[in-house]
Amino acid sequence: LQRQLPLNVWGWAEPGEEVTVKFHGQTKTTKGGDDGTWKVVLDP
């Protein structure tokens, strides 16, 4: 992963499904959109 840069992490899930991403002490949460896609942005 690129250092010193806000990092996009994305994928697919059921619409409305809660998705949690954990990395190096960070936790980001979002939900699957109506089209089944989701995205979070990790801190640098």
PDB file of all heavy atoms in Angstrom:
ATOM      1  N   LEU A   1       0.847  -1.190   0.000  1.00  0.00           N
ATOM      2  CA  LEU A   1       0.000   0.000   0.000  1.00  0.00           C
ATOM      3  C   LEU A   1       0.882   1.238   0.000  1.00  0.00           C
ATOM      4  O   LEU A   1       1.958   1.247   0.607  1.00  0.00           O
ATOM      5  CB  LEU A   1      -0.909   0.002   1.228  1.00  0.00           C
ATOM      6  CG  LEU A   1      -1.873  -1.186   1.353  1.00  0.00           C
ATOM      7  CD1 LEU A   1      -2.624  -1.119   2.685  1.00  0.00           C
ATOM      8  CD2 LEU A   1      -2.852  -1.219   0.184  1.00  0.00           C
ATOM      9  N   GLN A   2       0.424   2.285  -0.665  1.00  0.00           N
ATOM     10  CA  GLN A   2       1.219   3.496  -0.793  1.00  0.00           C
ATOM     11  C   GLN A   2       1.303   4.245   0.535  1.00  0.00           C
ATOM     12  O   GLN A   2       0.277   4.533   1.159  1.00  0.00           O
ATOM     13  CB  GLN A   2       0.633   4.412  -1.873  1.00  0.00           C
ATOM     14  CG  GLN A   2       1.355   5.733  -2.038  1.00  0.00           C
ATOM     15  CD  GLN A   2       2.825   5.573  -2.399  1.00  0.00           C
ATOM     16  OE1 GLN A   2       3.160   4.755  -3.250  1.00  0.00           O
ATOM     17  NE2 GLN A   2       3.694   6.356  -1.774  1.00  0.00           N
ATOM     18  N   ARG A   3       2.503   4.564   0.951  1.00  0.00           N
ATOM     19  CA  ARG A   3       2.683   5.283   2.212  1.00  0.00           C
ATOM     20  C   ARG A   3       2.279   6.753   2.067  1.00  0.00           C
ATOM     21  O   ARG A   3       2.265   7.317   0.961  1.00  0.00           O
ATOM     22  CB  ARG A   3       4.142   5.203   2.668  1.00  0.00           C
ATOM     23  CG  ARG A   3       5.149   5.876   1.750  1.00  0.00           C
ATOM     24  CD  ARG A   3       6.527   5.902   2.367  1.00  0.00           C
ATOM     25  NE  ARG A   3       7.548   6.323   1.407  1.00  0.00           N
ATOM     26  CZ  ARG A   3       8.806   6.596   1.735  1.00  0.00           C
ATOM     27  NH1 ARG A   3       9.209   6.516   2.987  1.00  0.00           N
ATOM     28  NH2 ARG A   3       9.673   6.963   0.806  1.00  0.00           N
ATOM     29  N   GLN A   4       1.955   7.359   3.189  1.00  0.00           N
ATOM     30  CA  GLN A   4       1.713   8.804   3.294  1.00  0.00           C
ATOM     31  C   GLN A   4       0.613   9.291   2.354  1.00  0.00           C
ATOM     32  O   GLN A   4       0.675  10.397   1.827  1.00  0.00           O
ATOM     33  CB  GLN A   4       3.018   9.570   3.020  1.00  0.00           C
ATOM     34  CG  GLN A   4       4.139   9.200   3.972  1.00  0.00           C
ATOM     35  CD  GLN A   4       5.489   9.757   3.566  1.00  0.00           C
ATOM     36  OE1 GLN A   4       5.676  10.198   2.431  1.00  0.00           O
ATOM     37  NE2 GLN A   4       6.444   9.749   4.480  1.00  0.00           N
ATOM     38  N   LEU A   5      -0.411   8.451   2.166  1.00  0.00           N
ATOM     39  CA  LEU A   5      -1.482   8.789   1.231  1.00  0.00           C
ATOM     40  C   LEU A   5      -2.798   8.215   1.749  1.00  0.00           C
ATOM     41  O   LEU A   5      -2.833   7.066   2.206  1.00  0.00           O
ATOM     42  CB  LEU A   5      -1.181   8.183  -0.142  1.00  0.00           C
ATOM     43  CG  LEU A   5      -2.161   8.504  -1.268  1.00  0.00           C
ATOM     44  CD1 LEU A   5      -1.933   9.927  -1.768  1.00  0.00           C
ATOM     45  CD2 LEU A   5      -1.972   7.515  -2.423  1.00  0.00           C
ATOM     46  N   PRO A   6      -3.898   8.998   1.723  1.00  0.00           N
ATOM     47  CA  PRO A   6      -5.202   8.394   2.041  1.00  0.00           C
ATOM     48  C   PRO A   6      -5.476   7.246   1.066  1.00  0.00           C
ATOM     49  O   PRO A   6      -5.291   7.396  -0.147  1.00  0.00           O
ATOM     50  CB  PRO A   6      -6.190   9.552   1.829  1.00  0.00           C
ATOM     51  CG  PRO A   6      -5.356  10.792   1.994  1.00  0.00           C
ATOM     52  CD  PRO A   6      -3.998  10.439   1.435  1.00  0.00           C
ATOM     53  N   LEU A   7      -5.896   6.100   1.587  1.00  0.00           N
ATOM     54  CA  LEU A   7      -5.961   4.893   0.772  1.00  0.00           C
ATOM     55  C   LEU A   7      -7.394   4.414   0.586  1.00  0.00           C
ATOM     56  O   LEU A   7      -8.102   4.128   1.560  1.00  0.00           O
ATOM     57  CB  LEU A   7      -5.139   3.779   1.435  1.00  0.00           C
ATOM     58  CG  LEU A   7      -3.634   4.054   1.541  1.00  0.00           C
ATOM     59  CD1 LEU A   7      -2.968   2.994   2.409  1.00  0.00           C
ATOM     60  CD2 LEU A   7      -3.008   4.097   0.153  1.00  0.00           C
ATOM     61  N   ASN A   8      -7.802   4.309  -0.667  1.00  0.00           N
ATOM     62  CA  ASN A   8      -9.105   3.743  -0.985  1.00  0.00           C
ATOM     63  C   ASN A   8      -9.069   2.226  -0.821  1.00  0.00           C
ATOM     64  O   ASN A   8      -8.154   1.552  -1.299  1.00  0.00           O
ATOM     65  CB  ASN A   8      -9.485   4.048  -2.436  1.00  0.00           C
ATOM     66  CG  ASN A   8      -9.619   5.526  -2.707  1.00  0.00           C
ATOM     67  OD1 ASN A   8     -10.250   6.248  -1.932  1.00  0.00           O
ATOM     68  ND2 ASN A   8      -9.051   5.988  -3.802  1.00  0.00           N
ATOM     69  N   VAL A   9     -10.076   1.705  -0.142  1.00  0.00           N
ATOM     70  CA  VAL A   9     -10.308   0.262  -0.102  1.00  0.00           C
ATOM     71  C   VAL A   9     -11.764   0.077  -0.504  1.00  0.00           C
ATOM     72  O   VAL A   9     -12.647   0.718   0.067  1.00  0.00           O
ATOM     73  CB  VAL A   9     -10.053  -0.333   1.297  1.00  0.00           C
ATOM     74  CG1 VAL A   9     -10.317  -1.840   1.286  1.00  0.00           C
ATOM     75  CG2 VAL A   9      -8.631  -0.041   1.760  1.00  0.00           C
ATOM     76  N   TRP A  10     -12.031  -0.795  -1.484  1.00  0.00           N
ATOM     77  CA  TRP A  10     -13.374  -0.891  -2.013  1.00  0.00           C
ATOM     78  C   TRP A  10     -13.719  -2.338  -2.376  1.00  0.00           C
ATOM     79  O   TRP A  10     -12.855  -3.205  -2.444  1.00  0.00           O
ATOM     80  CB  TRP A  10     -13.547   0.017  -3.223  1.00  0.00           C
ATOM     81  CG  TRP A  10     -12.797  -0.420  -4.460  1.00  0.00           C
ATOM     82  CD1 TRP A  10     -13.257  -1.226  -5.467  1.00  0.00           C
ATOM     83  CD2 TRP A  10     -11.459  -0.063  -4.834  1.00  0.00           C
ATOM     84  NE1 TRP A  10     -12.296  -1.395  -6.438  1.00  0.00           N
ATOM     85  CE2 TRP A  10     -11.183  -0.680  -6.075  1.00  0.00           C
ATOM     86  CE3 TRP A  10     -10.470   0.727  -4.241  1.00  0.00           C
ATOM     87  CZ2 TRP A  10      -9.960  -0.552  -6.719  1.00  0.00           C
ATOM     88  CZ3 TRP A  10      -9.242   0.862  -4.897  1.00  0.00           C
ATOM     89  CH2 TRP A  10      -9.006   0.236  -6.123  1.00  0.00           C
ATOM     90  N   GLY A  11     -15.010  -2.535  -2.605  1.00  0.00           N
ATOM     91  CA  GLY A  11     -15.445  -3.865  -2.996  1.00  0.00           C
ATOM     92  C   GLY A  11     -16.945  -3.933  -3.134  1.00  0.00           C
ATOM     93  O   GLY A  11     -17.599  -2.927  -3.432  1.00  0.00           O
ATOM     94  N   TRP A  12     -17.496  -5.122  -2.867  1.00  0.00           N
ATOM     95  CA  TRP A  12     -18.912  -5.376  -3.070  1.00  0.00           C
ATOM     96  C   TRP A  12     -19.494  -6.081  -1.856  1.00  0.00           C
ATOM     97  O   TRP A  12     -18.796  -6.806  -1.142  1.00  0.00           O
ATOM     98  CB  TRP A  12     -19.110  -6.239  -4.314  1.00  0.00           C
ATOM     99  CG  TRP A  12     -18.523  -5.597  -5.531  1.00  0.00           C
ATOM    100  CD1 TRP A  12     -19.151  -4.741  -6.395  1.00  0.00           C
ATOM    101  CD2 TRP A  12     -17.188  -5.713  -6.005  1.00  0.00           C
ATOM    102  NE1 TRP A  12     -18.283  -4.326  -7.372  1.00  0.00           N
ATOM    103  CE2 TRP A  12     -17.068  -4.912  -7.163  1.00  0.00           C
ATOM    104  CE3 TRP A  12     -16.065  -6.422  -5.559  1.00  0.00           C
ATOM    105  CZ2 TRP A  12     -15.885  -4.795  -7.882  1.00  0.00           C
ATOM    106  CZ3 TRP A  12     -14.879  -6.312  -6.279  1.00  0.00           C
ATOM    107  CH2 TRP A  12     -14.794  -5.503  -7.428  1.00  0.00           C
ATOM    108  N   ALA A  13     -20.771  -5.853  -1.642  1.00  0.00           N
ATOM    109  CA  ALA A  13     -21.504  -6.496  -0.551  1.00  0.00           C
ATOM    110  C   ALA A  13     -22.984  -6.355  -0.871  1.00  0.00           C
ATOM    111  O   ALA A  13     -23.366  -5.705  -1.858  1.00  0.00           O
ATOM    112  CB  ALA A  13     -21.177  -5.838   0.789  1.00  0.00           C
ATOM    113  N   GLU A  14     -23.824  -6.953  -0.037  1.00  0.00           N
ATOM    114  CA  GLU A  14     -25.257  -6.760  -0.228  1.00  0.00           C
ATOM    115  C   GLU A  14     -25.611  -5.301   0.056  1.00  0.00           C
ATOM    116  O   GLU A  14     -25.016  -4.669   0.930  1.00  0.00           O
ATOM    117  CB  GLU A  14     -26.052  -7.670   0.704  1.00  0.00           C
ATOM    118  CG  GLU A  14     -26.041  -9.139   0.297  1.00  0.00           C
ATOM    119  CD  GLU A  14     -26.995  -9.956   1.143  1.00  0.00           C
ATOM    120  OE1 GLU A  14     -27.601  -9.369   2.064  1.00  0.00           O
ATOM    121  OE2 GLU A  14     -27.122 -11.162   0.869  1.00  0.00           O
ATOM    122  N   PRO A  15     -26.591  -4.755  -0.642  1.00  0.00           N
ATOM    123  CA  PRO A  15     -27.043  -3.404  -0.325  1.00  0.00           C
ATOM    124  C   PRO A  15     -27.435  -3.280   1.142  1.00  0.00           C
ATOM    125  O   PRO A  15     -28.158  -4.122   1.680  1.00  0.00           O
ATOM    126  CB  PRO A  15     -28.262  -3.219  -1.244  1.00  0.00           C
ATOM    127  CG  PRO A  15     -27.991  -4.126  -2.398  1.00  0.00           C
ATOM    128  CD  PRO A  15     -27.295  -5.318  -1.809  1.00  0.00           C
ATOM    129  N   GLY A  16     -26.903  -2.265   1.792  1.00  0.00           N
ATOM    130  CA  GLY A  16     -27.203  -2.039   3.200  1.00  0.00           C
ATOM    131  C   GLY A  16     -26.363  -2.839   4.166  1.00  0.00           C
ATOM    132  O   GLY A  16     -26.417  -2.601   5.377  1.00  0.00           O
ATOM    133  N   GLU A  17     -25.578  -3.800   3.677  1.00  0.00           N
ATOM    134  CA  GLU A  17     -24.749  -4.611   4.560  1.00  0.00           C
ATOM    135  C   GLU A  17     -23.631  -3.767   5.176  1.00  0.00           C
ATOM    136  O   GLU A  17     -22.955  -3.013   4.470  1.00  0.00           O
ATOM    137  CB  GLU A  17     -24.140  -5.777   3.785  1.00  0.00           C
ATOM    138  CG  GLU A  17     -23.254  -6.689   4.625  1.00  0.00           C
ATOM    139  CD  GLU A  17     -22.691  -7.843   3.810  1.00  0.00           C
ATOM    140  OE1 GLU A  17     -23.053  -7.957   2.619  1.00  0.00           O
ATOM    141  OE2 GLU A  17     -21.897  -8.628   4.376  1.00  0.00           O
ATOM    142  N   GLU A  18     -23.461  -3.864   6.477  1.00  0.00           N
ATOM    143  CA  GLU A  18     -22.394  -3.116   7.136  1.00  0.00           C
ATOM    144  C   GLU A  18     -21.051  -3.789   6.869  1.00  0.00           C
ATOM    145  O   GLU A  18     -20.905  -4.992   7.033  1.00  0.00           O
ATOM    146  CB  GLU A  18     -22.648  -3.026   8.632  1.00  0.00           C
ATOM    147  CG  GLU A  18     -21.633  -2.142   9.351  1.00  0.00           C
ATOM    148  CD  GLU A  18     -22.001  -1.865  10.796  1.00  0.00           C
ATOM    149  OE1 GLU A  18     -22.922  -1.045  11.032  1.00  0.00           O
ATOM    150  OE2 GLU A  18     -21.374  -2.477  11.679  1.00  0.00           O
ATOM    151  N   VAL A  19     -20.083  -2.977   6.465  1.00  0.00           N
ATOM    152  CA  VAL A  19     -18.742  -3.472   6.145  1.00  0.00           C
ATOM    153  C   VAL A  19     -17.739  -2.737   7.026  1.00  0.00           C
ATOM    154  O   VAL A  19     -17.762  -1.504   7.116  1.00  0.00           O
ATOM    155  CB  VAL A  19     -18.399  -3.242   4.656  1.00  0.00           C
ATOM    156  CG1 VAL A  19     -16.974  -3.708   4.361  1.00  0.00           C
ATOM    157  CG2 VAL A  19     -19.399  -3.955   3.761  1.00  0.00           C
ATOM    158  N   THR A  20     -16.863  -3.492   7.672  1.00  0.00           N
ATOM    159  CA  THR A  20     -15.837  -2.918   8.538  1.00  0.00           C
ATOM    160  C   THR A  20     -14.456  -3.279   8.002  1.00  0.00           C
ATOM    161  O   THR A  20     -14.194  -4.439   7.670  1.00  0.00           O
ATOM    162  CB  THR A  20     -15.975  -3.447   9.970  1.00  0.00           C
ATOM    163  OG1 THR A  20     -17.271  -3.096  10.473  1.00  0.00           O
ATOM    164  CG2 THR A  20     -14.910  -2.844  10.878  1.00  0.00           C
ATOM    165  N   VAL A  21     -13.596  -2.279   7.929  1.00  0.00           N
ATOM    166  CA  VAL A  21     -12.221  -2.473   7.458  1.00  0.00           C
ATOM    167  C   VAL A  21     -11.279  -2.073   8.585  1.00  0.00           C
ATOM    168  O   VAL A  21     -11.380  -0.968   9.127  1.00  0.00           O
ATOM    169  CB  VAL A  21     -11.937  -1.630   6.206  1.00  0.00           C
ATOM    170  CG1 VAL A  21     -10.483  -1.813   5.756  1.00  0.00           C
ATOM    171  CG2 VAL A  21     -12.892  -2.003   5.078  1.00  0.00           C
ATOM    172  N   LYS A  22     -10.360  -2.981   8.933  1.00  0.00           N
ATOM    173  CA  LYS A  22      -9.381  -2.701   9.985  1.00  0.00           C
ATOM    174  C   LYS A  22      -7.971  -2.829   9.411  1.00  0.00           C
ATOM    175  O   LYS A  22      -7.654  -3.812   8.742  1.00  0.00           O
ATOM    176  CB  LYS A  22      -9.559  -3.678  11.151  1.00  0.00           C
ATOM    177  CG  LYS A  22     -10.890  -3.529  11.871  1.00  0.00           C
ATOM    178  CD  LYS A  22     -10.988  -4.478  13.062  1.00  0.00           C
ATOM    179  CE  LYS A  22     -12.298  -4.291  13.807  1.00  0.00           C
ATOM    180  NZ  LYS A  22     -12.384  -5.183  14.995  1.00  0.00           N
ATOM    181  N   PHE A  23      -7.158  -1.826   9.739  1.00  0.00           N
ATOM    182  CA  PHE A  23      -5.776  -1.866   9.275  1.00  0.00           C
ATOM    183  C   PHE A  23      -4.897  -1.010  10.180  1.00  0.00           C
ATOM    184  O   PHE A  23      -5.153   0.184  10.360  1.00  0.00           O
ATOM    185  CB  PHE A  23      -5.664  -1.358   7.834  1.00  0.00           C
ATOM    186  CG  PHE A  23      -4.255  -1.373   7.297  1.00  0.00           C
ATOM    187  CD1 PHE A  23      -3.618  -2.570   7.004  1.00  0.00           C
ATOM    188  CD2 PHE A  23      -3.555  -0.184   7.102  1.00  0.00           C
ATOM    189  CE1 PHE A  23      -2.313  -2.588   6.531  1.00  0.00           C
ATOM    190  CE2 PHE A  23      -2.254  -0.189   6.626  1.00  0.00           C
ATOM    191  CZ  PHE A  23      -1.631  -1.399   6.344  1.00  0.00           C
ATOM    192  N   HIS A  24      -3.863  -1.605  10.740  1.00  0.00           N
ATOM    193  CA  HIS A  24      -2.816  -0.903  11.475  1.00  0.00           C
ATOM    194  C   HIS A  24      -3.398   0.081  12.497  1.00  0.00           C
ATOM    195  O   HIS A  24      -3.023   1.256  12.547  1.00  0.00           O
ATOM    196  CB  HIS A  24      -1.918  -0.172  10.479  1.00  0.00           C
ATOM    197  CG  HIS A  24      -0.609   0.299  11.067  1.00  0.00           C
ATOM    198  ND1 HIS A  24       0.116  -0.440  11.983  1.00  0.00           N
ATOM    199  CD2 HIS A  24       0.109   1.449  10.863  1.00  0.00           C
ATOM    200  CE1 HIS A  24       1.210   0.221  12.306  1.00  0.00           C
ATOM    201  NE2 HIS A  24       1.228   1.364  11.646  1.00  0.00           N
ATOM    202  N   GLY A  25      -4.340  -0.419  13.306  1.00  0.00           N
ATOM    203  CA  GLY A  25      -4.923   0.398  14.358  1.00  0.00           C
ATOM    204  C   GLY A  25      -6.098   1.240  13.923  1.00  0.00           C
ATOM    205  O   GLY A  25      -6.694   1.944  14.759  1.00  0.00           O
ATOM    206  N   GLN A  26      -6.455   1.204  12.670  1.00  0.00           N
ATOM    207  CA  GLN A  26      -7.597   1.971  12.175  1.00  0.00           C
ATOM    208  C   GLN A  26      -8.800   1.053  11.985  1.00  0.00           C
ATOM    209  O   GLN A  26      -8.660  -0.113  11.610  1.00  0.00           O
ATOM    210  CB  GLN A  26      -7.286   2.603  10.820  1.00  0.00           C
ATOM    211  CG  GLN A  26      -6.122   3.558  10.804  1.00  0.00           C
ATOM    212  CD  GLN A  26      -5.936   4.163   9.423  1.00  0.00           C
ATOM    213  OE1 GLN A  26      -6.894   4.621   8.790  1.00  0.00           O
ATOM    214  NE2 GLN A  26      -4.691   4.179   8.946  1.00  0.00           N
ATOM    215  N   THR A  27      -9.973   1.613  12.215  1.00  0.00           N
ATOM    216  CA  THR A  27     -11.217   0.923  11.918  1.00  0.00           C
ATOM    217  C   THR A  27     -12.135   1.869  11.157  1.00  0.00           C
ATOM    218  O   THR A  27     -12.429   2.967  11.631  1.00  0.00           O
ATOM    219  CB  THR A  27     -11.923   0.458  13.209  1.00  0.00           C
ATOM    220  OG1 THR A  27     -11.064  -0.444  13.917  1.00  0.00           O
ATOM    221  CG2 THR A  27     -13.226  -0.255  12.870  1.00  0.00           C
ATOM    222  N   LYS A  28     -12.564   1.450   9.983  1.00  0.00           N
ATOM    223  CA  LYS A  28     -13.464   2.251   9.155  1.00  0.00           C
ATOM    224  C   LYS A  28     -14.692   1.414   8.838  1.00  0.00           C
ATOM    225  O   LYS A  28     -14.588   0.219   8.537  1.00  0.00           O
ATOM    226  CB  LYS A  28     -12.793   2.664   7.846  1.00  0.00           C
ATOM    227  CG  LYS A  28     -11.475   3.407   8.036  1.00  0.00           C
ATOM    228  CD  LYS A  28     -11.679   4.809   8.592  1.00  0.00           C
ATOM    229  CE  LYS A  28     -10.344   5.549   8.703  1.00  0.00           C
ATOM    230  NZ  LYS A  28     -10.518   6.927   9.225  1.00  0.00           N
ATOM    231  N   THR A  29     -15.850   2.042   8.918  1.00  0.00           N
ATOM    232  CA  THR A  29     -17.103   1.327   8.701  1.00  0.00           C
ATOM    233  C   THR A  29     -17.946   2.047   7.654  1.00  0.00           C
ATOM    234  O   THR A  29     -17.995   3.283   7.603  1.00  0.00           O
ATOM    235  CB  THR A  29     -17.905   1.225  10.013  1.00  0.00           C
ATOM    236  OG1 THR A  29     -17.104   0.546  10.992  1.00  0.00           O
ATOM    237  CG2 THR A  29     -19.189   0.439   9.796  1.00  0.00           C
ATOM    238  N   THR A  30     -18.607   1.252   6.798  1.00  0.00           N
ATOM    239  CA  THR A  30     -19.512   1.796   5.795  1.00  0.00           C
ATOM    240  C   THR A  30     -20.598   0.763   5.527  1.00  0.00           C
ATOM    241  O   THR A  30     -20.662  -0.277   6.194  1.00  0.00           O
ATOM    242  CB  THR A  30     -18.753   2.147   4.497  1.00  0.00           C
ATOM    243  OG1 THR A  30     -19.633   2.844   3.611  1.00  0.00           O
ATOM    244  CG2 THR A  30     -18.203   0.909   3.825  1.00  0.00           C
ATOM    245  N   LYS A  31     -21.448   1.033   4.554  1.00  0.00           N
ATOM    246  CA  LYS A  31     -22.493   0.090   4.170  1.00  0.00           C
ATOM    247  C   LYS A  31     -22.513  -0.092   2.663  1.00  0.00           C
ATOM    248  O   LYS A  31     -22.170   0.821   1.912  1.00  0.00           O
ATOM    249  CB  LYS A  31     -23.871   0.571   4.648  1.00  0.00           C
ATOM    250  CG  LYS A  31     -24.058   0.517   6.152  1.00  0.00           C
ATOM    251  CD  LYS A  31     -25.473   0.912   6.546  1.00  0.00           C
ATOM    252  CE  LYS A  31     -25.649   0.789   8.069  1.00  0.00           C
ATOM    253  NZ  LYS A  31     -27.046   1.137   8.468  1.00  0.00           N
ATOM    254  N   GLY A  32     -22.930  -1.266   2.234  1.00  0.00           N
ATOM    255  CA  GLY A  32     -23.073  -1.509   0.808  1.00  0.00           C
ATOM    256  C   GLY A  32     -24.135  -0.605   0.226  1.00  0.00           C
ATOM    257  O   GLY A  32     -25.208  -0.426   0.811  1.00  0.00           O
ATOM    258  N   GLY A  33     -23.816  -0.001  -0.913  1.00  0.00           N
ATOM    259  CA  GLY A  33     -24.770   0.890  -1.547  1.00  0.00           C
ATOM    260  C   GLY A  33     -25.871   0.132  -2.269  1.00  0.00           C
ATOM    261  O   GLY A  33     -25.885  -1.103  -2.315  1.00  0.00           O
ATOM    262  N   ASP A  34     -26.795   0.866  -2.854  1.00  0.00           N
ATOM    263  CA  ASP A  34     -27.903   0.244  -3.573  1.00  0.00           C
ATOM    264  C   ASP A  34     -27.403  -0.616  -4.729  1.00  0.00           C
ATOM    265  O   ASP A  34     -28.071  -1.577  -5.130  1.00  0.00           O
ATOM    266  CB  ASP A  34     -28.859   1.319  -4.099  1.00  0.00           C
ATOM    267  CG  ASP A  34     -29.602   2.037  -2.981  1.00  0.00           C
ATOM    268  OD1 ASP A  34     -29.662   1.475  -1.859  1.00  0.00           O
ATOM    269  OD2 ASP A  34     -30.107   3.148  -3.217  1.00  0.00           O
ATOM    270  N   ASP A  35     -26.244  -0.261  -5.266  1.00  0.00           N
ATOM    271  CA  ASP A  35     -25.685  -1.023  -6.387  1.00  0.00           C
ATOM    272  C   ASP A  35     -24.759  -2.141  -5.923  1.00  0.00           C
ATOM    273  O   ASP A  35     -24.104  -2.798  -6.742  1.00  0.00           O
ATOM    274  CB  ASP A  35     -24.930  -0.099  -7.342  1.00  0.00           C
ATOM    275  CG  ASP A  35     -23.755   0.616  -6.670  1.00  0.00           C
ATOM    276  OD1 ASP A  35     -23.602   0.479  -5.432  1.00  0.00           O
ATOM    277  OD2 ASP A  35     -23.003   1.311  -7.373  1.00  0.00           O
ATOM    278  N   GLY A  36     -24.672  -2.342  -4.598  1.00  0.00           N
ATOM    279  CA  GLY A  36     -23.850  -3.415  -4.069  1.00  0.00           C
ATOM    280  C   GLY A  36     -22.388  -3.074  -3.916  1.00  0.00           C
ATOM    281  O   GLY A  36     -21.567  -3.963  -3.660  1.00  0.00           O
ATOM    282  N   THR A  37     -22.010  -1.805  -4.052  1.00  0.00           N
ATOM    283  CA  THR A  37     -20.614  -1.415  -3.900  1.00  0.00           C
ATOM    284  C   THR A  37     -20.401  -0.674  -2.592  1.00  0.00           C
ATOM    285  O   THR A  37     -21.333  -0.104  -2.024  1.00  0.00           O
ATOM    286  CB  THR A  37     -20.162  -0.512  -5.056  1.00  0.00           C
ATOM    287  OG1 THR A  37     -20.840   0.754  -4.981  1.00  0.00           O
ATOM    288  CG2 THR A  37     -20.441  -1.163  -6.403  1.00  0.00           C
ATOM    289  N   TRP A  38     -19.157  -0.705  -2.115  1.00  0.00           N
ATOM    290  CA  TRP A  38     -18.795   0.043  -0.917  1.00  0.00           C
ATOM    291  C   TRP A  38     -17.354   0.537  -1.035  1.00  0.00           C
ATOM    292  O   TRP A  38     -16.563   0.008  -1.824  1.00  0.00           O
ATOM    293  CB  TRP A  38     -18.944  -0.795   0.348  1.00  0.00           C
ATOM    294  CG  TRP A  38     -18.120  -2.053   0.350  1.00  0.00           C
ATOM    295  CD1 TRP A  38     -18.512  -3.295  -0.039  1.00  0.00           C
ATOM    296  CD2 TRP A  38     -16.742  -2.164   0.746  1.00  0.00           C
ATOM    297  NE1 TRP A  38     -17.477  -4.189   0.073  1.00  0.00           N
ATOM    298  CE2 TRP A  38     -16.371  -3.525   0.555  1.00  0.00           C
ATOM    299  CE3 TRP A  38     -15.786  -1.279   1.227  1.00  0.00           C
ATOM    300  CZ2 TRP A  38     -15.095  -3.997   0.843  1.00  0.00           C
ATOM    301  CZ3 TRP A  38     -14.510  -1.752   1.518  1.00  0.00           C
ATOM    302  CH2 TRP A  38     -14.166  -3.088   1.329  1.00  0.00           C
ATOM    303  N   LYS A  39     -17.020   1.539  -0.246  1.00  0.00           N
ATOM    304  CA  LYS A  39     -15.657   2.079  -0.227  1.00  0.00           C
ATOM    305  C   LYS A  39     -15.400   2.755   1.102  1.00  0.00           C
ATOM    306  O   LYS A  39     -16.281   3.444   1.649  1.00  0.00           O
ATOM    307  CB  LYS A  39     -15.441   3.099  -1.355  1.00  0.00           C
ATOM    308  CG  LYS A  39     -14.010   3.596  -1.460  1.00  0.00           C
ATOM    309  CD  LYS A  39     -13.882   4.754  -2.461  1.00  0.00           C
ATOM    310  CE  LYS A  39     -14.253   6.071  -1.799  1.00  0.00           C
ATOM    311  NZ  LYS A  39     -13.856   7.244  -2.626  1.00  0.00           N
ATOM    312  N   VAL A  40     -14.177   2.572   1.619  1.00  0.00           N
ATOM    313  CA  VAL A  40     -13.702   3.356   2.759  1.00  0.00           C
ATOM    314  C   VAL A  40     -12.363   3.965   2.379  1.00  0.00           C
ATOM    315  O   VAL A  40     -11.714   3.541   1.420  1.00  0.00           O
ATOM    316  CB  VAL A  40     -13.543   2.495   4.032  1.00  0.00           C
ATOM    317  CG1 VAL A  40     -14.865   1.856   4.424  1.00  0.00           C
ATOM    318  CG2 VAL A  40     -12.449   1.451   3.860  1.00  0.00           C
ATOM    319  N   VAL A  41     -11.966   4.968   3.125  1.00  0.00           N
ATOM    320  CA  VAL A  41     -10.674   5.615   2.899  1.00  0.00           C
ATOM    321  C   VAL A  41      -9.861   5.526   4.185  1.00  0.00           C
ATOM    322  O   VAL A  41     -10.257   6.084   5.214  1.00  0.00           O
ATOM    323  CB  VAL A  41     -10.838   7.088   2.473  1.00  0.00           C
ATOM    324  CG1 VAL A  41      -9.467   7.710   2.226  1.00  0.00           C
ATOM    325  CG2 VAL A  41     -11.690   7.187   1.205  1.00  0.00           C
ATOM    326  N   LEU A  42      -8.743   4.825   4.131  1.00  0.00           N
ATOM    327  CA  LEU A  42      -7.856   4.706   5.288  1.00  0.00           C
ATOM    328  C   LEU A  42      -6.987   5.944   5.426  1.00  0.00           C
ATOM    329  O   LEU A  42      -6.602   6.575   4.425  1.00  0.00           O
ATOM    330  CB  LEU A  42      -6.958   3.478   5.138  1.00  0.00           C
ATOM    331  CG  LEU A  42      -7.651   2.115   5.111  1.00  0.00           C
ATOM    332  CD1 LEU A  42      -6.631   1.026   4.795  1.00  0.00           C
ATOM    333  CD2 LEU A  42      -8.346   1.844   6.433  1.00  0.00           C
ATOM    334  N   ASP A  43      -6.653   6.284   6.648  1.00  0.00           N
ATOM    335  CA  ASP A  43      -5.751   7.399   6.893  1.00  0.00           C
ATOM    336  C   ASP A  43      -4.333   7.043   6.432  1.00  0.00           C
ATOM    337  O   ASP A  43      -3.951   5.869   6.400  1.00  0.00           O
ATOM    338  CB  ASP A  43      -5.728   7.729   8.385  1.00  0.00           C
ATOM    339  CG  ASP A  43      -7.094   8.133   8.915  1.00  0.00           C
ATOM    340  OD1 ASP A  43      -7.897   8.679   8.139  1.00  0.00           O
ATOM    341  OD2 ASP A  43      -7.368   7.857  10.107  1.00  0.00           O
ATOM    342  N   PRO A  44      -3.539   8.041   6.080  1.00  0.00           N
ATOM    343  CA  PRO A  44      -2.164   7.768   5.635  1.00  0.00           C
ATOM    344  C   PRO A  44      -1.355   7.016   6.685  1.00  0.00           C
ATOM    345  O   PRO A  44      -1.519   7.223   7.891  1.00  0.00           O
ATOM    346  CB  PRO A  44      -1.595   9.163   5.381  1.00  0.00           C
ATOM    347  CG  PRO A  44      -2.789  10.020   5.100  1.00  0.00           C
ATOM    348  CD  PRO A  44      -3.875   9.477   5.971  1.00  0.00           C
TER     349      PRO A  44
END
